[in-house]
C-alpha atoms as a PDB file:
ATOM      1  CA  MET A   1       5.820  -1.950 -10.102  1.00  0.00           C
ATOM      2  CA  PHE A   2       2.096  -1.734  -8.647  1.00  0.00           C
ATOM      3  CA  GLY A   3      -0.529  -1.361 -11.737  1.00  0.00           C
ATOM      4  CA  THR A   4      -2.919   0.702  -9.617  1.00  0.00           C
ATOM      5  CA  ASN A   5      -4.109   2.870 -11.828  1.00  0.00           C
ATOM      6  CA  ALA A   6      -4.550   5.592  -9.632  1.00  0.00           C
ATOM      7  CA  GLY A   7      -7.591   3.744  -7.941  1.00  0.00           C
ATOM      8  CA  LEU A   8      -9.471   3.012 -10.942  1.00  0.00           C
ATOM      9  CA  ASP A   9     -11.583  -0.406 -11.118  1.00  0.00           C
ATOM     10  CA  ARG A  10      -9.379  -0.815 -14.254  1.00  0.00           C
ATOM     11  CA  GLU A  11      -5.968  -2.323 -15.385  1.00  0.00           C
ATOM     12  CA  PRO A  12      -3.638   0.637 -16.504  1.00  0.00           C
ATOM     13  CA  ALA A  13      -2.739  -0.123 -20.244  1.00  0.00           C
ATOM     14  CA  TRP A  14       0.961  -0.531 -19.426  1.00  0.00           C
ATOM     15  CA  VAL A  15       0.169  -3.754 -17.278  1.00  0.00           C
ATOM     16  CA  LYS A  16      -1.954  -5.336 -20.531  1.00  0.00           C
ATOM     17  CA  ASN A  17       1.211  -4.259 -22.889  1.00  0.00           C
ATOM     18  CA  VAL A  18       3.783  -6.055 -20.505  1.00  0.00           C
ATOM     19  CA  ARG A  19       1.723  -9.039 -20.563  1.00  0.00           C
ATOM     20  CA  ALA A  20       1.485  -8.828 -23.932  1.00  0.00           C
ATOM     21  CA  ASN A  21       5.428  -8.139 -24.518  1.00  0.00           C
ATOM     22  CA  PRO A  22       7.429  -8.727 -21.171  1.00  0.00           C
ATOM     23  CA  ILE A  23      10.492  -7.473 -22.534  1.00  0.00           C
ATOM     24  CA  VAL A  24      11.074  -3.443 -21.897  1.00  0.00           C
ATOM     25  CA  ARG A  25      13.076  -0.808 -21.852  1.00  0.00           C
ATOM     26  CA  ILE A  26      13.076   1.847 -18.909  1.00  0.00           C
ATOM     27  CA  ARG A  27      14.936   4.931 -19.038  1.00  0.00           C
ATOM     28  CA  ILE A  28      16.429   5.203 -15.347  1.00  0.00           C
ATOM     29  CA  ASN A  29      18.673   8.309 -14.583  1.00  0.00           C
ATOM     30  CA  GLY A  30      18.807   9.211 -18.696  1.00  0.00           C
ATOM     31  CA  SER A  31      19.735   5.722 -19.370  1.00  0.00           C
ATOM     32  CA  TRP A  32      17.676   3.207 -20.748  1.00  0.00           C
ATOM     33  CA  THR A  33      18.006  -0.582 -19.761  1.00  0.00           C
ATOM     34  CA  SER A  34      15.907  -3.415 -21.052  1.00  0.00           C
ATOM     35  CA  TYR A  35      14.218  -5.349 -18.615  1.00  0.00           C
ATOM     36  CA  ASN A  36      11.936  -8.843 -18.532  1.00  0.00           C
ATOM     37  CA  ALA A  37       8.959  -8.375 -16.563  1.00  0.00           C
ATOM     38  CA  VAL A  38       7.463 -10.861 -14.554  1.00  0.00           C
ATOM     39  CA  GLU A  39       3.781 -10.790 -12.895  1.00  0.00           C
ATOM     40  CA  ILE A  40       4.061 -11.977  -9.292  1.00  0.00           C
ATOM     41  CA  LYS A  41       1.448 -14.418  -8.558  1.00  0.00           C
ATOM     42  CA  ALA A  42       0.231 -15.898  -4.817  1.00  0.00           C
ATOM     43  CA  GLY A  43       1.835 -15.503  -1.638  1.00  0.00           C
ATOM     44  CA  ASP A  44       4.621 -13.037  -2.857  1.00  0.00           C
ATOM     45  CA  ARG A  45       2.229 -10.972  -4.232  1.00  0.00           C
ATOM     46  CA  ASP A  46       0.742 -10.570  -0.803  1.00  0.00           C
ATOM     47  CA  ARG A  47       3.998  -9.799   0.508  1.00  0.00           C
ATOM     48  CA  LEU A  48       4.349  -7.027  -1.622  1.00  0.00           C
ATOM     49  CA  TRP A  49       1.314  -5.742  -1.633  1.00  0.00           C
ATOM     50  CA  ASN A  50       1.224  -5.533   2.625  1.00  0.00           C
ATOM     51  CA  ALA A  51       4.808  -3.934   1.725  1.00  0.00           C
ATOM     52  CA  ALA A  52       3.492  -1.256  -0.590  1.00  0.00           C
ATOM     53  CA  ILE A  53       0.852  -0.211   1.310  1.00  0.00           C
ATOM     54  CA  ALA A  54       3.071   0.009   4.536  1.00  0.00           C
ATOM     55  CA  ALA A  55       5.546   2.381   2.454  1.00  0.00           C
ATOM     56  CA  ASN A  56       2.549   4.172   0.713  1.00  0.00           C
ATOM     57  CA  PRO A  57      -0.886   4.153   3.191  1.00  0.00           C
ATOM     58  CA  GLY A  58      -2.820   5.831   0.461  1.00  0.00           C
ATOM     59  CA  TYR A  59      -3.180   2.434  -1.639  1.00  0.00           C
ATOM     60  CA  ASN A  60      -5.599   1.346   1.508  1.00  0.00           C
ATOM     61  CA  ASP A  61      -7.804   3.709  -0.005  1.00  0.00           C
ATOM     62  CA  TYR A  62      -8.103   2.064  -3.430  1.00  0.00           C
ATOM     63  CA  LEU A  63      -8.720  -0.849  -1.494  1.00  0.00           C
ATOM     64  CA  LYS A  64     -12.209   0.447  -0.717  1.00  0.00           C
ATOM     65  CA  THR A  65     -13.406   0.759  -4.467  1.00  0.00           C
ATOM     66  CA  LEU A  66     -11.570  -1.661  -6.199  1.00  0.00           C
ATOM     67  CA  THR A  67     -13.132  -5.176  -7.254  1.00  0.00           C
ATOM     68  CA  ARG A  68      -9.927  -6.437  -8.861  1.00  0.00           C
ATOM     69  CA  SER A  69      -6.649  -7.403  -7.415  1.00  0.00           C
ATOM     70  CA  VAL A  70      -3.720  -4.815  -8.354  1.00  0.00           C
ATOM     71  CA  PRO A  71      -1.228  -6.590 -10.308  1.00  0.00           C
ATOM     72  CA  ILE A  72       2.535  -6.069  -9.151  1.00  0.00           C
ATOM     73  CA  ILE A  73       4.979  -6.359 -11.799  1.00  0.00           C
ATOM     74  CA  GLN A  74       8.620  -7.517 -11.425  1.00  0.00           C
ATOM     75  CA  MET A  75      11.549  -6.009 -13.578  1.00  0.00           C
ATOM     76  CA  HIS A  76      14.517  -8.270 -13.748  1.00  0.00           C
ATOM     77  CA  PRO A  77      17.332  -7.081 -16.198  1.00  0.00           C
ATOM     78  CA  ALA A  78      17.450  -8.666 -19.410  1.00  0.00           C
ATOM     79  CA  ILE A  79      20.238 -10.761 -20.145  1.00  0.00           C
END
């Protein structure tokens, strides 16, 4: 999940919530499942961000106005 906040220069509230409590519940196709949220750092972050830009070229436009790094949150099924 990418915390772009539609290109605004502040993080979306959900990123702050996930940092405060990384155990989240997500509804997919009507079913709720628990996940552990992990913020991606360093080299993996750059690789994933570049893949996101390749899939969504509009993300490049965000870089023109952002002074922050876009957080990338990976979800792992909770055990």
